[in-house]
Amino acid sequence: LTLVDANAGIQVRATLALEPSGLLL
């Protein structure tokens, strides 16, 4: 996911991954 606040000049990239064990990274 990519989220931005254009007015504040900030971008956040988030990666969520469910591993084969079911552990969320």
PDBML (XML) file of the C-alpha atoms, coordinates in Angstrom:
<?xml version="1.0" encoding="UTF-8" ?>
<PDBx:datablock datablockName="MODEL"
   xmlns:PDBx="http://pdbml.pdb.org/schema/pdbx-v50.xsd"
   xmlns:xsi="http://www.w3.org/2001/XMLSchema-instance"
   xsi:schemaLocation="http://pdbml.pdb.org/schema/pdbx-v50.xsd pdbx-v50.xsd">
   <PDBx:atom_siteCategory>
      <PDBx:atom_site id="1">
         <PDBx:B_iso_or_equiv>0.00</PDBx:B_iso_or_equiv>
         <PDBx:Cartn_x>0.000</PDBx:Cartn_x>
         <PDBx:Cartn_y>0.000</PDBx:Cartn_y>
         <PDBx:Cartn_z>0.000</PDBx:Cartn_z>
         <PDBx:auth_asym_id>A</PDBx:auth_asym_id>
         <PDBx:auth_atom_id>CA</PDBx:auth_atom_id>
         <PDBx:auth_comp_id>LEU</PDBx:auth_comp_id>
         <PDBx:auth_seq_id>1</PDBx:auth_seq_id>
         <PDBx:group_PDB>ATOM</PDBx:group_PDB>
         <PDBx:label_alt_id xsi:nil="true" />
         <PDBx:label_asym_id>A</PDBx:label_asym_id>
         <PDBx:label_atom_id>CA</PDBx:label_atom_id>
         <PDBx:label_comp_id>LEU</PDBx:label_comp_id>
         <PDBx:label_entity_id>1</PDBx:label_entity_id>
         <PDBx:label_seq_id>1</PDBx:label_seq_id>
         <PDBx:occupancy>1.00</PDBx:occupancy>
         <PDBx:pdbx_PDB_model_num>1</PDBx:pdbx_PDB_model_num>
         <PDBx:type_symbol>C</PDBx:type_symbol>
      </PDBx:atom_site>
      <PDBx:atom_site id="2">
         <PDBx:B_iso_or_equiv>0.00</PDBx:B_iso_or_equiv>
         <PDBx:Cartn_x>1.087</PDBx:Cartn_x>
         <PDBx:Cartn_y>3.567</PDBx:Cartn_y>
         <PDBx:Cartn_z>-0.707</PDBx:Cartn_z>
         <PDBx:auth_asym_id>A</PDBx:auth_asym_id>
         <PDBx:auth_atom_id>CA</PDBx:auth_atom_id>
         <PDBx:auth_comp_id>THR</PDBx:auth_comp_id>
         <PDBx:auth_seq_id>2</PDBx:auth_seq_id>
         <PDBx:group_PDB>ATOM</PDBx:group_PDB>
         <PDBx:label_alt_id xsi:nil="true" />
         <PDBx:label_asym_id>A</PDBx:label_asym_id>
         <PDBx:label_atom_id>CA</PDBx:label_atom_id>
         <PDBx:label_comp_id>THR</PDBx:label_comp_id>
         <PDBx:label_entity_id>1</PDBx:label_entity_id>
         <PDBx:label_seq_id>2</PDBx:label_seq_id>
         <PDBx:occupancy>1.00</PDBx:occupancy>
         <PDBx:pdbx_PDB_model_num>1</PDBx:pdbx_PDB_model_num>
         <PDBx:type_symbol>C</PDBx:type_symbol>
      </PDBx:atom_site>
      <PDBx:atom_site id="3">
         <PDBx:B_iso_or_equiv>0.00</PDBx:B_iso_or_equiv>
         <PDBx:Cartn_x>-0.510</PDBx:Cartn_x>
         <PDBx:Cartn_y>6.379</PDBx:Cartn_y>
         <PDBx:Cartn_z>1.281</PDBx:Cartn_z>
         <PDBx:auth_asym_id>A</PDBx:auth_asym_id>
         <PDBx:auth_atom_id>CA</PDBx:auth_atom_id>
         <PDBx:auth_comp_id>LEU</PDBx:auth_comp_id>
         <PDBx:auth_seq_id>3</PDBx:auth_seq_id>
         <PDBx:group_PDB>ATOM</PDBx:group_PDB>
         <PDBx:label_alt_id xsi:nil="true" />
         <PDBx:label_asym_id>A</PDBx:label_asym_id>
         <PDBx:label_atom_id>CA</PDBx:label_atom_id>
         <PDBx:label_comp_id>LEU</PDBx:label_comp_id>
         <PDBx:label_entity_id>1</PDBx:label_entity_id>
         <PDBx:label_seq_id>3</PDBx:label_seq_id>
         <PDBx:occupancy>1.00</PDBx:occupancy>
         <PDBx:pdbx_PDB_model_num>1</PDBx:pdbx_PDB_model_num>
         <PDBx:type_symbol>C</PDBx:type_symbol>
      </PDBx:atom_site>
      <PDBx:atom_site id="4">
         <PDBx:B_iso_or_equiv>0.00</PDBx:B_iso_or_equiv>
         <PDBx:Cartn_x>0.263</PDBx:Cartn_x>
         <PDBx:Cartn_y>10.075</PDBx:Cartn_y>
         <PDBx:Cartn_z>0.870</PDBx:Cartn_z>
         <PDBx:auth_asym_id>A</PDBx:auth_asym_id>
         <PDBx:auth_atom_id>CA</PDBx:auth_atom_id>
         <PDBx:auth_comp_id>VAL</PDBx:auth_comp_id>
         <PDBx:auth_seq_id>4</PDBx:auth_seq_id>
         <PDBx:group_PDB>ATOM</PDBx:group_PDB>
         <PDBx:label_alt_id xsi:nil="true" />
         <PDBx:label_asym_id>A</PDBx:label_asym_id>
         <PDBx:label_atom_id>CA</PDBx:label_atom_id>
         <PDBx:label_comp_id>VAL</PDBx:label_comp_id>
         <PDBx:label_entity_id>1</PDBx:label_entity_id>
         <PDBx:label_seq_id>4</PDBx:label_seq_id>
         <PDBx:occupancy>1.00</PDBx:occupancy>
         <PDBx:pdbx_PDB_model_num>1</PDBx:pdbx_PDB_model_num>
         <PDBx:type_symbol>C</PDBx:type_symbol>
      </PDBx:atom_site>
      <PDBx:atom_site id="5">
         <PDBx:B_iso_or_equiv>0.00</PDBx:B_iso_or_equiv>
         <PDBx:Cartn_x>-0.479</PDBx:Cartn_x>
         <PDBx:Cartn_y>13.415</PDBx:Cartn_y>
         <PDBx:Cartn_z>2.429</PDBx:Cartn_z>
         <PDBx:auth_asym_id>A</PDBx:auth_asym_id>
         <PDBx:auth_atom_id>CA</PDBx:auth_atom_id>
         <PDBx:auth_comp_id>ASP</PDBx:auth_comp_id>
         <PDBx:auth_seq_id>5</PDBx:auth_seq_id>
         <PDBx:group_PDB>ATOM</PDBx:group_PDB>
         <PDBx:label_alt_id xsi:nil="true" />
         <PDBx:label_asym_id>A</PDBx:label_asym_id>
         <PDBx:label_atom_id>CA</PDBx:label_atom_id>
         <PDBx:label_comp_id>ASP</PDBx:label_comp_id>
         <PDBx:label_entity_id>1</PDBx:label_entity_id>
         <PDBx:label_seq_id>5</PDBx:label_seq_id>
         <PDBx:occupancy>1.00</PDBx:occupancy>
         <PDBx:pdbx_PDB_model_num>1</PDBx:pdbx_PDB_model_num>
         <PDBx:type_symbol>C</PDBx:type_symbol>
      </PDBx:atom_site>
      <PDBx:atom_site id="6">
         <PDBx:B_iso_or_equiv>0.00</PDBx:B_iso_or_equiv>
         <PDBx:Cartn_x>0.273</PDBx:Cartn_x>
         <PDBx:Cartn_y>15.736</PDBx:Cartn_y>
         <PDBx:Cartn_z>-0.475</PDBx:Cartn_z>
         <PDBx:auth_asym_id>A</PDBx:auth_asym_id>
         <PDBx:auth_atom_id>CA</PDBx:auth_atom_id>
         <PDBx:auth_comp_id>ALA</PDBx:auth_comp_id>
         <PDBx:auth_seq_id>6</PDBx:auth_seq_id>
         <PDBx:group_PDB>ATOM</PDBx:group_PDB>
         <PDBx:label_alt_id xsi:nil="true" />
         <PDBx:label_asym_id>A</PDBx:label_asym_id>
         <PDBx:label_atom_id>CA</PDBx:label_atom_id>
         <PDBx:label_comp_id>ALA</PDBx:label_comp_id>
         <PDBx:label_entity_id>1</PDBx:label_entity_id>
         <PDBx:label_seq_id>6</PDBx:label_seq_id>
         <PDBx:occupancy>1.00</PDBx:occupancy>
         <PDBx:pdbx_PDB_model_num>1</PDBx:pdbx_PDB_model_num>
         <PDBx:type_symbol>C</PDBx:type_symbol>
      </PDBx:atom_site>
      <PDBx:atom_site id="7">
         <PDBx:B_iso_or_equiv>0.00</PDBx:B_iso_or_equiv>
         <PDBx:Cartn_x>-0.197</PDBx:Cartn_x>
         <PDBx:Cartn_y>18.876</PDBx:Cartn_y>
         <PDBx:Cartn_z>1.604</PDBx:Cartn_z>
         <PDBx:auth_asym_id>A</PDBx:auth_asym_id>
         <PDBx:auth_atom_id>CA</PDBx:auth_atom_id>
         <PDBx:auth_comp_id>ASN</PDBx:auth_comp_id>
         <PDBx:auth_seq_id>7</PDBx:auth_seq_id>
         <PDBx:group_PDB>ATOM</PDBx:group_PDB>
         <PDBx:label_alt_id xsi:nil="true" />
         <PDBx:label_asym_id>A</PDBx:label_asym_id>
         <PDBx:label_atom_id>CA</PDBx:label_atom_id>
         <PDBx:label_comp_id>ASN</PDBx:label_comp_id>
         <PDBx:label_entity_id>1</PDBx:label_entity_id>
         <PDBx:label_seq_id>7</PDBx:label_seq_id>
         <PDBx:occupancy>1.00</PDBx:occupancy>
         <PDBx:pdbx_PDB_model_num>1</PDBx:pdbx_PDB_model_num>
         <PDBx:type_symbol>C</PDBx:type_symbol>
      </PDBx:atom_site>
      <PDBx:atom_site id="8">
         <PDBx:B_iso_or_equiv>0.00</PDBx:B_iso_or_equiv>
         <PDBx:Cartn_x>2.215</PDBx:Cartn_x>
         <PDBx:Cartn_y>17.748</PDBx:Cartn_y>
         <PDBx:Cartn_z>4.302</PDBx:Cartn_z>
         <PDBx:auth_asym_id>A</PDBx:auth_asym_id>
         <PDBx:auth_atom_id>CA</PDBx:auth_atom_id>
         <PDBx:auth_comp_id>ALA</PDBx:auth_comp_id>
         <PDBx:auth_seq_id>8</PDBx:auth_seq_id>
         <PDBx:group_PDB>ATOM</PDBx:group_PDB>
         <PDBx:label_alt_id xsi:nil="true" />
         <PDBx:label_asym_id>A</PDBx:label_asym_id>
         <PDBx:label_atom_id>CA</PDBx:label_atom_id>
         <PDBx:label_comp_id>ALA</PDBx:label_comp_id>
         <PDBx:label_entity_id>1</PDBx:label_entity_id>
         <PDBx:label_seq_id>8</PDBx:label_seq_id>
         <PDBx:occupancy>1.00</PDBx:occupancy>
         <PDBx:pdbx_PDB_model_num>1</PDBx:pdbx_PDB_model_num>
         <PDBx:type_symbol>C</PDBx:type_symbol>
      </PDBx:atom_site>
      <PDBx:atom_site id="9">
         <PDBx:B_iso_or_equiv>0.00</PDBx:B_iso_or_equiv>
         <PDBx:Cartn_x>4.666</PDBx:Cartn_x>
         <PDBx:Cartn_y>16.236</PDBx:Cartn_y>
         <PDBx:Cartn_z>1.815</PDBx:Cartn_z>
         <PDBx:auth_asym_id>A</PDBx:auth_asym_id>
         <PDBx:auth_atom_id>CA</PDBx:auth_atom_id>
         <PDBx:auth_comp_id>GLY</PDBx:auth_comp_id>
         <PDBx:auth_seq_id>9</PDBx:auth_seq_id>
         <PDBx:group_PDB>ATOM</PDBx:group_PDB>
         <PDBx:label_alt_id xsi:nil="true" />
         <PDBx:label_asym_id>A</PDBx:label_asym_id>
         <PDBx:label_atom_id>CA</PDBx:label_atom_id>
         <PDBx:label_comp_id>GLY</PDBx:label_comp_id>
         <PDBx:label_entity_id>1</PDBx:label_entity_id>
         <PDBx:label_seq_id>9</PDBx:label_seq_id>
         <PDBx:occupancy>1.00</PDBx:occupancy>
         <PDBx:pdbx_PDB_model_num>1</PDBx:pdbx_PDB_model_num>
         <PDBx:type_symbol>C</PDBx:type_symbol>
      </PDBx:atom_site>
      <PDBx:atom_site id="10">
         <PDBx:B_iso_or_equiv>0.00</PDBx:B_iso_or_equiv>
         <PDBx:Cartn_x>4.697</PDBx:Cartn_x>
         <PDBx:Cartn_y>12.766</PDBx:Cartn_y>
         <PDBx:Cartn_z>3.372</PDBx:Cartn_z>
         <PDBx:auth_asym_id>A</PDBx:auth_asym_id>
         <PDBx:auth_atom_id>CA</PDBx:auth_atom_id>
         <PDBx:auth_comp_id>ILE</PDBx:auth_comp_id>
         <PDBx:auth_seq_id>10</PDBx:auth_seq_id>
         <PDBx:group_PDB>ATOM</PDBx:group_PDB>
         <PDBx:label_alt_id xsi:nil="true" />
         <PDBx:label_asym_id>A</PDBx:label_asym_id>
         <PDBx:label_atom_id>CA</PDBx:label_atom_id>
         <PDBx:label_comp_id>ILE</PDBx:label_comp_id>
         <PDBx:label_entity_id>1</PDBx:label_entity_id>
         <PDBx:label_seq_id>10</PDBx:label_seq_id>
         <PDBx:occupancy>1.00</PDBx:occupancy>
         <PDBx:pdbx_PDB_model_num>1</PDBx:pdbx_PDB_model_num>
         <PDBx:type_symbol>C</PDBx:type_symbol>
      </PDBx:atom_site>
      <PDBx:atom_site id="11">
         <PDBx:B_iso_or_equiv>0.00</PDBx:B_iso_or_equiv>
         <PDBx:Cartn_x>4.443</PDBx:Cartn_x>
         <PDBx:Cartn_y>9.322</PDBx:Cartn_y>
         <PDBx:Cartn_z>1.784</PDBx:Cartn_z>
         <PDBx:auth_asym_id>A</PDBx:auth_asym_id>
         <PDBx:auth_atom_id>CA</PDBx:auth_atom_id>
         <PDBx:auth_comp_id>GLN</PDBx:auth_comp_id>
         <PDBx:auth_seq_id>11</PDBx:auth_seq_id>
         <PDBx:group_PDB>ATOM</PDBx:group_PDB>
         <PDBx:label_alt_id xsi:nil="true" />
         <PDBx:label_asym_id>A</PDBx:label_asym_id>
         <PDBx:label_atom_id>CA</PDBx:label_atom_id>
         <PDBx:label_comp_id>GLN</PDBx:label_comp_id>
         <PDBx:label_entity_id>1</PDBx:label_entity_id>
         <PDBx:label_seq_id>11</PDBx:label_seq_id>
         <PDBx:occupancy>1.00</PDBx:occupancy>
         <PDBx:pdbx_PDB_model_num>1</PDBx:pdbx_PDB_model_num>
         <PDBx:type_symbol>C</PDBx:type_symbol>
      </PDBx:atom_site>
      <PDBx:atom_site id="12">
         <PDBx:B_iso_or_equiv>0.00</PDBx:B_iso_or_equiv>
         <PDBx:Cartn_x>4.131</PDBx:Cartn_x>
         <PDBx:Cartn_y>6.023</PDBx:Cartn_y>
         <PDBx:Cartn_z>3.654</PDBx:Cartn_z>
         <PDBx:auth_asym_id>A</PDBx:auth_asym_id>
         <PDBx:auth_atom_id>CA</PDBx:auth_atom_id>
         <PDBx:auth_comp_id>VAL</PDBx:auth_comp_id>
         <PDBx:auth_seq_id>12</PDBx:auth_seq_id>
         <PDBx:group_PDB>ATOM</PDBx:group_PDB>
         <PDBx:label_alt_id xsi:nil="true" />
         <PDBx:label_asym_id>A</PDBx:label_asym_id>
         <PDBx:label_atom_id>CA</PDBx:label_atom_id>
         <PDBx:label_comp_id>VAL</PDBx:label_comp_id>
         <PDBx:label_entity_id>1</PDBx:label_entity_id>
         <PDBx:label_seq_id>12</PDBx:label_seq_id>
         <PDBx:occupancy>1.00</PDBx:occupancy>
         <PDBx:pdbx_PDB_model_num>1</PDBx:pdbx_PDB_model_num>
         <PDBx:type_symbol>C</PDBx:type_symbol>
      </PDBx:atom_site>
      <PDBx:atom_site id="13">
         <PDBx:B_iso_or_equiv>0.00</PDBx:B_iso_or_equiv>
         <PDBx:Cartn_x>4.610</PDBx:Cartn_x>
         <PDBx:Cartn_y>2.651</PDBx:Cartn_y>
         <PDBx:Cartn_z>2.027</PDBx:Cartn_z>
         <PDBx:auth_asym_id>A</PDBx:auth_asym_id>
         <PDBx:auth_atom_id>CA</PDBx:auth_atom_id>
         <PDBx:auth_comp_id>ARG</PDBx:auth_comp_id>
         <PDBx:auth_seq_id>13</PDBx:auth_seq_id>
         <PDBx:group_PDB>ATOM</PDBx:group_PDB>
         <PDBx:label_alt_id xsi:nil="true" />
         <PDBx:label_asym_id>A</PDBx:label_asym_id>
         <PDBx:label_atom_id>CA</PDBx:label_atom_id>
         <PDBx:label_comp_id>ARG</PDBx:label_comp_id>
         <PDBx:label_entity_id>1</PDBx:label_entity_id>
         <PDBx:label_seq_id>13</PDBx:label_seq_id>
         <PDBx:occupancy>1.00</PDBx:occupancy>
         <PDBx:pdbx_PDB_model_num>1</PDBx:pdbx_PDB_model_num>
         <PDBx:type_symbol>C</PDBx:type_symbol>
      </PDBx:atom_site>
      <PDBx:atom_site id="14">
         <PDBx:B_iso_or_equiv>0.00</PDBx:B_iso_or_equiv>
         <PDBx:Cartn_x>3.314</PDBx:Cartn_x>
         <PDBx:Cartn_y>-0.345</PDBx:Cartn_y>
         <PDBx:Cartn_z>3.949</PDBx:Cartn_z>
         <PDBx:auth_asym_id>A</PDBx:auth_asym_id>
         <PDBx:auth_atom_id>CA</PDBx:auth_atom_id>
         <PDBx:auth_comp_id>ALA</PDBx:auth_comp_id>
         <PDBx:auth_seq_id>14</PDBx:auth_seq_id>
         <PDBx:group_PDB>ATOM</PDBx:group_PDB>
         <PDBx:label_alt_id xsi:nil="true" />
         <PDBx:label_asym_id>A</PDBx:label_asym_id>
         <PDBx:label_atom_id>CA</PDBx:label_atom_id>
         <PDBx:label_comp_id>ALA</PDBx:label_comp_id>
         <PDBx:label_entity_id>1</PDBx:label_entity_id>
         <PDBx:label_seq_id>14</PDBx:label_seq_id>
         <PDBx:occupancy>1.00</PDBx:occupancy>
         <PDBx:pdbx_PDB_model_num>1</PDBx:pdbx_PDB_model_num>
         <PDBx:type_symbol>C</PDBx:type_symbol>
      </PDBx:atom_site>
      <PDBx:atom_site id="15">
         <PDBx:B_iso_or_equiv>0.00</PDBx:B_iso_or_equiv>
         <PDBx:Cartn_x>3.816</PDBx:Cartn_x>
         <PDBx:Cartn_y>-4.006</PDBx:Cartn_y>
         <PDBx:Cartn_z>3.164</PDBx:Cartn_z>
         <PDBx:auth_asym_id>A</PDBx:auth_asym_id>
         <PDBx:auth_atom_id>CA</PDBx:auth_atom_id>
         <PDBx:auth_comp_id>THR</PDBx:auth_comp_id>
         <PDBx:auth_seq_id>15</PDBx:auth_seq_id>
         <PDBx:group_PDB>ATOM</PDBx:group_PDB>
         <PDBx:label_alt_id xsi:nil="true" />
         <PDBx:label_asym_id>A</PDBx:label_asym_id>
         <PDBx:label_atom_id>CA</PDBx:label_atom_id>
         <PDBx:label_comp_id>THR</PDBx:label_comp_id>
         <PDBx:label_entity_id>1</PDBx:label_entity_id>
         <PDBx:label_seq_id>15</PDBx:label_seq_id>
         <PDBx:occupancy>1.00</PDBx:occupancy>
         <PDBx:pdbx_PDB_model_num>1</PDBx:pdbx_PDB_model_num>
         <PDBx:type_symbol>C</PDBx:type_symbol>
      </PDBx:atom_site>
      <PDBx:atom_site id="16">
         <PDBx:B_iso_or_equiv>0.00</PDBx:B_iso_or_equiv>
         <PDBx:Cartn_x>1.787</PDBx:Cartn_x>
         <PDBx:Cartn_y>-6.701</PDBx:Cartn_y>
         <PDBx:Cartn_z>4.903</PDBx:Cartn_z>
         <PDBx:auth_asym_id>A</PDBx:auth_asym_id>
         <PDBx:auth_atom_id>CA</PDBx:auth_atom_id>
         <PDBx:auth_comp_id>LEU</PDBx:auth_comp_id>
         <PDBx:auth_seq_id>16</PDBx:auth_seq_id>
         <PDBx:group_PDB>ATOM</PDBx:group_PDB>
         <PDBx:label_alt_id xsi:nil="true" />
         <PDBx:label_asym_id>A</PDBx:label_asym_id>
         <PDBx:label_atom_id>CA</PDBx:label_atom_id>
         <PDBx:label_comp_id>LEU</PDBx:label_comp_id>
         <PDBx:label_entity_id>1</PDBx:label_entity_id>
         <PDBx:label_seq_id>16</PDBx:label_seq_id>
         <PDBx:occupancy>1.00</PDBx:occupancy>
         <PDBx:pdbx_PDB_model_num>1</PDBx:pdbx_PDB_model_num>
         <PDBx:type_symbol>C</PDBx:type_symbol>
      </PDBx:atom_site>
      <PDBx:atom_site id="17">
         <PDBx:B_iso_or_equiv>0.00</PDBx:B_iso_or_equiv>
         <PDBx:Cartn_x>2.724</PDBx:Cartn_x>
         <PDBx:Cartn_y>-10.323</PDBx:Cartn_y>
         <PDBx:Cartn_z>4.261</PDBx:Cartn_z>
         <PDBx:auth_asym_id>A</PDBx:auth_asym_id>
         <PDBx:auth_atom_id>CA</PDBx:auth_atom_id>
         <PDBx:auth_comp_id>ALA</PDBx:auth_comp_id>
         <PDBx:auth_seq_id>17</PDBx:auth_seq_id>
         <PDBx:group_PDB>ATOM</PDBx:group_PDB>
         <PDBx:label_alt_id xsi:nil="true" />
         <PDBx:label_asym_id>A</PDBx:label_asym_id>
         <PDBx:label_atom_id>CA</PDBx:label_atom_id>
         <PDBx:label_comp_id>ALA</PDBx:label_comp_id>
         <PDBx:label_entity_id>1</PDBx:label_entity_id>
         <PDBx:label_seq_id>17</PDBx:label_seq_id>
         <PDBx:occupancy>1.00</PDBx:occupancy>
         <PDBx:pdbx_PDB_model_num>1</PDBx:pdbx_PDB_model_num>
         <PDBx:type_symbol>C</PDBx:type_symbol>
      </PDBx:atom_site>
      <PDBx:atom_site id="18">
         <PDBx:B_iso_or_equiv>0.00</PDBx:B_iso_or_equiv>
         <PDBx:Cartn_x>1.223</PDBx:Cartn_x>
         <PDBx:Cartn_y>-13.509</PDBx:Cartn_y>
         <PDBx:Cartn_z>5.645</PDBx:Cartn_z>
         <PDBx:auth_asym_id>A</PDBx:auth_asym_id>
         <PDBx:auth_atom_id>CA</PDBx:auth_atom_id>
         <PDBx:auth_comp_id>LEU</PDBx:auth_comp_id>
         <PDBx:auth_seq_id>18</PDBx:auth_seq_id>
         <PDBx:group_PDB>ATOM</PDBx:group_PDB>
         <PDBx:label_alt_id xsi:nil="true" />
         <PDBx:label_asym_id>A</PDBx:label_asym_id>
         <PDBx:label_atom_id>CA</PDBx:label_atom_id>
         <PDBx:label_comp_id>LEU</PDBx:label_comp_id>
         <PDBx:label_entity_id>1</PDBx:label_entity_id>
         <PDBx:label_seq_id>18</PDBx:label_seq_id>
         <PDBx:occupancy>1.00</PDBx:occupancy>
         <PDBx:pdbx_PDB_model_num>1</PDBx:pdbx_PDB_model_num>
         <PDBx:type_symbol>C</PDBx:type_symbol>
      </PDBx:atom_site>
      <PDBx:atom_site id="19">
         <PDBx:B_iso_or_equiv>0.00</PDBx:B_iso_or_equiv>
         <PDBx:Cartn_x>3.976</PDBx:Cartn_x>
         <PDBx:Cartn_y>-16.120</PDBx:Cartn_y>
         <PDBx:Cartn_z>5.770</PDBx:Cartn_z>
         <PDBx:auth_asym_id>A</PDBx:auth_asym_id>
         <PDBx:auth_atom_id>CA</PDBx:auth_atom_id>
         <PDBx:auth_comp_id>GLU</PDBx:auth_comp_id>
         <PDBx:auth_seq_id>19</PDBx:auth_seq_id>
         <PDBx:group_PDB>ATOM</PDBx:group_PDB>
         <PDBx:label_alt_id xsi:nil="true" />
         <PDBx:label_asym_id>A</PDBx:label_asym_id>
         <PDBx:label_atom_id>CA</PDBx:label_atom_id>
         <PDBx:label_comp_id>GLU</PDBx:label_comp_id>
         <PDBx:label_entity_id>1</PDBx:label_entity_id>
         <PDBx:label_seq_id>19</PDBx:label_seq_id>
         <PDBx:occupancy>1.00</PDBx:occupancy>
         <PDBx:pdbx_PDB_model_num>1</PDBx:pdbx_PDB_model_num>
         <PDBx:type_symbol>C</PDBx:type_symbol>
      </PDBx:atom_site>
      <PDBx:atom_site id="20">
         <PDBx:B_iso_or_equiv>0.00</PDBx:B_iso_or_equiv>
         <PDBx:Cartn_x>3.367</PDBx:Cartn_x>
         <PDBx:Cartn_y>-19.861</PDBx:Cartn_y>
         <PDBx:Cartn_z>5.228</PDBx:Cartn_z>
         <PDBx:auth_asym_id>A</PDBx:auth_asym_id>
         <PDBx:auth_atom_id>CA</PDBx:auth_atom_id>
         <PDBx:auth_comp_id>PRO</PDBx:auth_comp_id>
         <PDBx:auth_seq_id>20</PDBx:auth_seq_id>
         <PDBx:group_PDB>ATOM</PDBx:group_PDB>
         <PDBx:label_alt_id xsi:nil="true" />
         <PDBx:label_asym_id>A</PDBx:label_asym_id>
         <PDBx:label_atom_id>CA</PDBx:label_atom_id>
         <PDBx:label_comp_id>PRO</PDBx:label_comp_id>
         <PDBx:label_entity_id>1</PDBx:label_entity_id>
         <PDBx:label_seq_id>20</PDBx:label_seq_id>
         <PDBx:occupancy>1.00</PDBx:occupancy>
         <PDBx:pdbx_PDB_model_num>1</PDBx:pdbx_PDB_model_num>
         <PDBx:type_symbol>C</PDBx:type_symbol>
      </PDBx:atom_site>
      <PDBx:atom_site id="21">
         <PDBx:B_iso_or_equiv>0.00</PDBx:B_iso_or_equiv>
         <PDBx:Cartn_x>3.326</PDBx:Cartn_x>
         <PDBx:Cartn_y>-20.242</PDBx:Cartn_y>
         <PDBx:Cartn_z>9.030</PDBx:Cartn_z>
         <PDBx:auth_asym_id>A</PDBx:auth_asym_id>
         <PDBx:auth_atom_id>CA</PDBx:auth_atom_id>
         <PDBx:auth_comp_id>SER</PDBx:auth_comp_id>
         <PDBx:auth_seq_id>21</PDBx:auth_seq_id>
         <PDBx:group_PDB>ATOM</PDBx:group_PDB>
         <PDBx:label_alt_id xsi:nil="true" />
         <PDBx:label_asym_id>A</PDBx:label_asym_id>
         <PDBx:label_atom_id>CA</PDBx:label_atom_id>
         <PDBx:label_comp_id>SER</PDBx:label_comp_id>
         <PDBx:label_entity_id>1</PDBx:label_entity_id>
         <PDBx:label_seq_id>21</PDBx:label_seq_id>
         <PDBx:occupancy>1.00</PDBx:occupancy>
         <PDBx:pdbx_PDB_model_num>1</PDBx:pdbx_PDB_model_num>
         <PDBx:type_symbol>C</PDBx:type_symbol>
      </PDBx:atom_site>
      <PDBx:atom_site id="22">
         <PDBx:B_iso_or_equiv>0.00</PDBx:B_iso_or_equiv>
         <PDBx:Cartn_x>0.510</PDBx:Cartn_x>
         <PDBx:Cartn_y>-17.695</PDBx:Cartn_y>
         <PDBx:Cartn_z>9.335</PDBx:Cartn_z>
         <PDBx:auth_asym_id>A</PDBx:auth_asym_id>
         <PDBx:auth_atom_id>CA</PDBx:auth_atom_id>
         <PDBx:auth_comp_id>GLY</PDBx:auth_comp_id>
         <PDBx:auth_seq_id>22</PDBx:auth_seq_id>
         <PDBx:group_PDB>ATOM</PDBx:group_PDB>
         <PDBx:label_alt_id xsi:nil="true" />
         <PDBx:label_asym_id>A</PDBx:label_asym_id>
         <PDBx:label_atom_id>CA</PDBx:label_atom_id>
         <PDBx:label_comp_id>GLY</PDBx:label_comp_id>
         <PDBx:label_entity_id>1</PDBx:label_entity_id>
         <PDBx:label_seq_id>22</PDBx:label_seq_id>
         <PDBx:occupancy>1.00</PDBx:occupancy>
         <PDBx:pdbx_PDB_model_num>1</PDBx:pdbx_PDB_model_num>
         <PDBx:type_symbol>C</PDBx:type_symbol>
      </PDBx:atom_site>
      <PDBx:atom_site id="23">
         <PDBx:B_iso_or_equiv>0.00</PDBx:B_iso_or_equiv>
         <PDBx:Cartn_x>2.861</PDBx:Cartn_x>
         <PDBx:Cartn_y>-15.144</PDBx:Cartn_y>
         <PDBx:Cartn_z>10.890</PDBx:Cartn_z>
         <PDBx:auth_asym_id>A</PDBx:auth_asym_id>
         <PDBx:auth_atom_id>CA</PDBx:auth_atom_id>
         <PDBx:auth_comp_id>LEU</PDBx:auth_comp_id>
         <PDBx:auth_seq_id>23</PDBx:auth_seq_id>
         <PDBx:group_PDB>ATOM</PDBx:group_PDB>
         <PDBx:label_alt_id xsi:nil="true" />
         <PDBx:label_asym_id>A</PDBx:label_asym_id>
         <PDBx:label_atom_id>CA</PDBx:label_atom_id>
         <PDBx:label_comp_id>LEU</PDBx:label_comp_id>
         <PDBx:label_entity_id>1</PDBx:label_entity_id>
         <PDBx:label_seq_id>23</PDBx:label_seq_id>
         <PDBx:occupancy>1.00</PDBx:occupancy>
         <PDBx:pdbx_PDB_model_num>1</PDBx:pdbx_PDB_model_num>
         <PDBx:type_symbol>C</PDBx:type_symbol>
      </PDBx:atom_site>
      <PDBx:atom_site id="24">
         <PDBx:B_iso_or_equiv>0.00</PDBx:B_iso_or_equiv>
         <PDBx:Cartn_x>2.049</PDBx:Cartn_x>
         <PDBx:Cartn_y>-11.606</PDBx:Cartn_y>
         <PDBx:Cartn_z>9.731</PDBx:Cartn_z>
         <PDBx:auth_asym_id>A</PDBx:auth_asym_id>
         <PDBx:auth_atom_id>CA</PDBx:auth_atom_id>
         <PDBx:auth_comp_id>LEU</PDBx:auth_comp_id>
         <PDBx:auth_seq_id>24</PDBx:auth_seq_id>
         <PDBx:group_PDB>ATOM</PDBx:group_PDB>
         <PDBx:label_alt_id xsi:nil="true" />
         <PDBx:label_asym_id>A</PDBx:label_asym_id>
         <PDBx:label_atom_id>CA</PDBx:label_atom_id>
         <PDBx:label_comp_id>LEU</PDBx:label_comp_id>
         <PDBx:label_entity_id>1</PDBx:label_entity_id>
         <PDBx:label_seq_id>24</PDBx:label_seq_id>
         <PDBx:occupancy>1.00</PDBx:occupancy>
         <PDBx:pdbx_PDB_model_num>1</PDBx:pdbx_PDB_model_num>
         <PDBx:type_symbol>C</PDBx:type_symbol>
      </PDBx:atom_site>
      <PDBx:atom_site id="25">
         <PDBx:B_iso_or_equiv>0.00</PDBx:B_iso_or_equiv>
         <PDBx:Cartn_x>5.022</PDBx:Cartn_x>
         <PDBx:Cartn_y>-9.389</PDBx:Cartn_y>
         <PDBx:Cartn_z>8.807</PDBx:Cartn_z>
         <PDBx:auth_asym_id>A</PDBx:auth_asym_id>
         <PDBx:auth_atom_id>CA</PDBx:auth_atom_id>
         <PDBx:auth_comp_id>LEU</PDBx:auth_comp_id>
         <PDBx:auth_seq_id>25</PDBx:auth_seq_id>
         <PDBx:group_PDB>ATOM</PDBx:group_PDB>
         <PDBx:label_alt_id xsi:nil="true" />
         <PDBx:label_asym_id>A</PDBx:label_asym_id>
         <PDBx:label_atom_id>CA</PDBx:label_atom_id>
         <PDBx:label_comp_id>LEU</PDBx:label_comp_id>
         <PDBx:label_entity_id>1</PDBx:label_entity_id>
         <PDBx:label_seq_id>25</PDBx:label_seq_id>
         <PDBx:occupancy>1.00</PDBx:occupancy>
         <PDBx:pdbx_PDB_model_num>1</PDBx:pdbx_PDB_model_num>
         <PDBx:type_symbol>C</PDBx:type_symbol>
      </PDBx:atom_site>
   </PDBx:atom_siteCategory>
</PDBx:datablock>
